[in-house]
Amino acid sequence: MSNLVDLETIQPFDVWGDAVRARKVEGERITLAVVELARNAMVPEHRHDAEQMGIVIQGSVTFTIDGETRDLGPGGTWRILSNRPHTVQAGPEGAVAIDVFTPIRADWERYELLAPRPPVWPRQAGTP
């Protein structure tokens, strides 16, 4: 992979079925992901070795981390330490978030890449 790419050229993959789709850029020790959540999409409780931080850039989500629940809109952030339980539910309009994981999400290698398609964010010129 080139060191300089446009998001639209990165093939997406389904993380939690087609309701949660991601595109990732990986380094040796870090994963950056742009995650698209469909309307009311639910990510069930899970945990992973990687620490995670993120920000909502479009739409809204309800996050529960270690029993703390909060509604987050654009600009809302989260921090999830290694192996801490968390869930996410997208709002009625769906959401787009940026997630960063360290170390890399090696478990995502098992997902099949989908055909290229335009990302939900950023909107392309001429689209509503």
C-alpha atoms as a PDB file:
ATOM      1  CA  MET A   1       0.000   0.000   0.000  1.00  0.00           C
ATOM      2  CA  SER A   2       1.211   3.478  -0.831  1.00  0.00           C
ATOM      3  CA  ASN A   3       1.892   5.857   2.036  1.00  0.00           C
ATOM      4  CA  LEU A   4      -0.481   8.417   0.454  1.00  0.00           C
ATOM      5  CA  VAL A   5      -3.988   7.317  -0.580  1.00  0.00           C
ATOM      6  CA  ASP A   6      -7.482   8.761  -0.863  1.00  0.00           C
ATOM      7  CA  LEU A   7     -10.193   7.169   1.285  1.00  0.00           C
ATOM      8  CA  GLU A   8     -12.315   6.353  -1.768  1.00  0.00           C
ATOM      9  CA  THR A   9      -9.560   4.055  -3.089  1.00  0.00           C
ATOM     10  CA  ILE A  10      -9.510   1.897   0.071  1.00  0.00           C
ATOM     11  CA  GLN A  11     -11.704  -1.188  -0.250  1.00  0.00           C
ATOM     12  CA  PRO A  12     -14.281  -1.458   2.559  1.00  0.00           C
ATOM     13  CA  PHE A  13     -15.117  -4.570   4.576  1.00  0.00           C
ATOM     14  CA  ASP A  14     -18.050  -5.526   6.795  1.00  0.00           C
ATOM     15  CA  VAL A  15     -17.135  -5.693  10.483  1.00  0.00           C
ATOM     16  CA  TRP A  16     -20.557  -6.498  11.999  1.00  0.00           C
ATOM     17  CA  GLY A  17     -22.480  -7.516   8.896  1.00  0.00           C
ATOM     18  CA  ASP A  18     -23.356  -4.858   6.350  1.00  0.00           C
ATOM     19  CA  ALA A  19     -24.607  -2.548   9.130  1.00  0.00           C
ATOM     20  CA  VAL A  20     -21.039  -1.676  10.160  1.00  0.00           C
ATOM     21  CA  ARG A  21     -18.549  -1.170   7.357  1.00  0.00           C
ATOM     22  CA  ALA A  22     -14.938   0.021   7.676  1.00  0.00           C
ATOM     23  CA  ARG A  23     -11.947   1.106   5.628  1.00  0.00           C
ATOM     24  CA  LYS A  24      -8.541   0.867   7.247  1.00  0.00           C
ATOM     25  CA  VAL A  25      -5.049   2.209   6.900  1.00  0.00           C
ATOM     26  CA  GLU A  26      -2.405   0.315   8.842  1.00  0.00           C
ATOM     27  CA  GLY A  27       1.102   0.993   9.963  1.00  0.00           C
ATOM     28  CA  GLU A  28       3.374  -1.402  11.800  1.00  0.00           C
ATOM     29  CA  ARG A  29       1.728  -0.732  15.182  1.00  0.00           C
ATOM     30  CA  ILE A  30      -1.421   1.313  14.541  1.00  0.00           C
ATOM     31  CA  THR A  31      -4.708   1.011  12.645  1.00  0.00           C
ATOM     32  CA  LEU A  32      -6.743   4.008  11.483  1.00  0.00           C
ATOM     33  CA  ALA A  33     -10.305   3.174  10.434  1.00  0.00           C
ATOM     34  CA  VAL A  34     -13.177   5.162   8.989  1.00  0.00           C
ATOM     35  CA  VAL A  35     -16.285   3.300  10.144  1.00  0.00           C
ATOM     36  CA  GLU A  36     -19.748   3.708   8.603  1.00  0.00           C
ATOM     37  CA  LEU A  37     -22.675   2.615  10.780  1.00  0.00           C
ATOM     38  CA  ALA A  38     -26.120   2.153   9.222  1.00  0.00           C
ATOM     39  CA  ARG A  39     -29.242   3.601  10.837  1.00  0.00           C
ATOM     40  CA  ASN A  40     -29.734   2.098  14.310  1.00  0.00           C
ATOM     41  CA  ALA A  41     -26.850  -0.359  13.756  1.00  0.00           C
ATOM     42  CA  MET A  42     -25.895  -2.267  16.902  1.00  0.00           C
ATOM     43  CA  VAL A  43     -22.377  -3.384  17.745  1.00  0.00           C
ATOM     44  CA  PRO A  44     -22.764  -5.990  20.506  1.00  0.00           C
ATOM     45  CA  GLU A  45     -20.621  -6.022  23.611  1.00  0.00           C
ATOM     46  CA  HIS A  46     -17.088  -7.071  22.810  1.00  0.00           C
ATOM     47  CA  ARG A  47     -13.490  -6.433  23.819  1.00  0.00           C
ATOM     48  CA  HIS A  48     -10.113  -6.574  22.139  1.00  0.00           C
ATOM     49  CA  ASP A  49      -6.445  -6.341  23.043  1.00  0.00           C
ATOM     50  CA  ALA A  50      -5.951  -3.112  21.093  1.00  0.00           C
ATOM     51  CA  GLU A  51      -6.571   0.210  22.798  1.00  0.00           C
ATOM     52  CA  GLN A  52      -9.078   2.296  20.860  1.00  0.00           C
ATOM     53  CA  MET A  53      -9.803   5.992  20.514  1.00  0.00           C
ATOM     54  CA  GLY A  54     -12.288   7.594  18.199  1.00  0.00           C
ATOM     55  CA  ILE A  55     -14.447  10.523  17.209  1.00  0.00           C
ATOM     56  CA  VAL A  56     -17.873  10.873  15.604  1.00  0.00           C
ATOM     57  CA  ILE A  57     -17.653  12.932  12.420  1.00  0.00           C
ATOM     58  CA  GLN A  58     -21.228  12.525  11.181  1.00  0.00           C
ATOM     59  CA  GLY A  59     -24.489  11.345  12.765  1.00  0.00           C
ATOM     60  CA  SER A  60     -24.747  10.031  16.310  1.00  0.00           C
ATOM     61  CA  VAL A  61     -23.993   6.985  18.442  1.00  0.00           C
ATOM     62  CA  THR A  62     -24.726   5.748  21.933  1.00  0.00           C
ATOM     63  CA  PHE A  63     -21.575   4.295  23.461  1.00  0.00           C
ATOM     64  CA  THR A  64     -21.348   2.151  26.596  1.00  0.00           C
ATOM     65  CA  ILE A  65     -17.840   1.607  27.941  1.00  0.00           C
ATOM     66  CA  ASP A  66     -17.255  -0.156  31.264  1.00  0.00           C
ATOM     67  CA  GLY A  67     -20.913   0.462  32.199  1.00  0.00           C
ATOM     68  CA  GLU A  68     -20.827   4.214  31.400  1.00  0.00           C
ATOM     69  CA  THR A  69     -23.304   5.218  28.662  1.00  0.00           C
ATOM     70  CA  ARG A  70     -23.335   8.441  26.696  1.00  0.00           C
ATOM     71  CA  ASP A  71     -24.908   9.800  23.517  1.00  0.00           C
ATOM     72  CA  LEU A  72     -22.299  11.294  21.188  1.00  0.00           C
ATOM     73  CA  GLY A  73     -22.699  13.465  18.104  1.00  0.00           C
ATOM     74  CA  PRO A  74     -20.108  15.049  15.820  1.00  0.00           C
ATOM     75  CA  GLY A  75     -17.031  15.848  17.889  1.00  0.00           C
ATOM     76  CA  GLY A  76     -17.865  13.276  20.590  1.00  0.00           C
ATOM     77  CA  THR A  77     -14.864  11.126  21.470  1.00  0.00           C
ATOM     78  CA  TRP A  78     -14.116   7.859  23.254  1.00  0.00           C
ATOM     79  CA  ARG A  79     -11.196   6.079  24.846  1.00  0.00           C
ATOM     80  CA  ILE A  80     -11.286   2.323  25.371  1.00  0.00           C
ATOM     81  CA  LEU A  81      -8.438   0.686  27.222  1.00  0.00           C
ATOM     82  CA  SER A  82      -7.290  -2.825  26.346  1.00  0.00           C
ATOM     83  CA  ASN A  83      -9.853  -5.598  26.927  1.00  0.00           C
ATOM     84  CA  ARG A  84     -12.574  -3.309  28.334  1.00  0.00           C
ATOM     85  CA  PRO A  85     -16.183  -4.213  27.446  1.00  0.00           C
ATOM     86  CA  HIS A  86     -18.014  -1.823  25.120  1.00  0.00           C
ATOM     87  CA  THR A  87     -21.075  -1.550  22.886  1.00  0.00           C
ATOM     88  CA  VAL A  88     -22.201   0.999  20.300  1.00  0.00           C
ATOM     89  CA  GLN A  89     -25.571   1.795  18.776  1.00  0.00           C
ATOM     90  CA  ALA A  90     -25.889   4.190  15.865  1.00  0.00           C
ATOM     91  CA  GLY A  91     -28.596   6.822  15.912  1.00  0.00           C
ATOM     92  CA  PRO A  92     -31.589   6.967  13.553  1.00  0.00           C
ATOM     93  CA  GLU A  93     -29.540   8.657  10.802  1.00  0.00           C
ATOM     94  CA  GLY A  94     -26.539   6.338  11.182  1.00  0.00           C
ATOM     95  CA  ALA A  95     -23.020   7.569  11.852  1.00  0.00           C
ATOM     96  CA  VAL A  96     -19.501   7.853  10.533  1.00  0.00           C
ATOM     97  CA  ALA A  97     -16.626   7.631  12.994  1.00  0.00           C
ATOM     98  CA  ILE A  98     -12.866   7.605  12.915  1.00  0.00           C
ATOM     99  CA  ASP A  99     -11.270   4.929  15.120  1.00  0.00           C
ATOM    100  CA  VAL A 100      -7.612   4.473  15.955  1.00  0.00           C
ATOM    101  CA  PHE A 101      -6.289   1.205  17.408  1.00  0.00           C
ATOM    102  CA  THR A 102      -2.910   0.247  18.804  1.00  0.00           C
ATOM    103  CA  PRO A 103      -1.542  -2.298  18.284  1.00  0.00           C
ATOM    104  CA  ILE A 104      -3.067  -3.006  14.868  1.00  0.00           C
ATOM    105  CA  ARG A 105      -6.370  -4.870  14.563  1.00  0.00           C
ATOM    106  CA  ALA A 106      -4.823  -8.067  13.191  1.00  0.00           C
ATOM    107  CA  ASP A 107      -8.165  -9.841  13.718  1.00  0.00           C
ATOM    108  CA  TRP A 108      -9.628  -7.707  10.900  1.00  0.00           C
ATOM    109  CA  GLU A 109      -7.482  -9.596   8.387  1.00  0.00           C
ATOM    110  CA  ARG A 110     -10.147 -12.321   8.296  1.00  0.00           C
ATOM    111  CA  TYR A 111     -12.712 -10.023   6.654  1.00  0.00           C
ATOM    112  CA  GLU A 112     -13.190 -10.177   2.910  1.00  0.00           C
ATOM    113  CA  LEU A 113     -12.669  -6.892   1.104  1.00  0.00           C
ATOM    114  CA  LEU A 114     -15.719  -5.607  -0.754  1.00  0.00           C
ATOM    115  CA  ALA A 115     -15.875  -4.066  -4.190  1.00  0.00           C
ATOM    116  CA  PRO A 116     -14.727  -0.446  -4.276  1.00  0.00           C
ATOM    117  CA  ARG A 117     -17.514   2.061  -3.627  1.00  0.00           C
ATOM    118  CA  PRO A 118     -17.683   5.697  -2.627  1.00  0.00           C
ATOM    119  CA  PRO A 119     -17.425   6.346   1.105  1.00  0.00           C
ATOM    120  CA  VAL A 120     -20.346   7.908   3.000  1.00  0.00           C
ATOM    121  CA  TRP A 121     -17.918  10.594   4.239  1.00  0.00           C
ATOM    122  CA  PRO A 122     -16.622  12.851   2.954  1.00  0.00           C
ATOM    123  CA  ARG A 123     -19.451  13.532   0.555  1.00  0.00           C
ATOM    124  CA  GLN A 124     -18.368  13.709  -3.048  1.00  0.00           C
ATOM    125  CA  ALA A 125     -19.081  16.846  -5.042  1.00  0.00           C
ATOM    126  CA  GLY A 126     -22.556  16.729  -6.550  1.00  0.00           C
ATOM    127  CA  THR A 127     -24.041  14.223  -4.044  1.00  0.00           C
ATOM    128  CA  PRO A 128     -26.769  15.217  -1.580  1.00  0.00           C
END
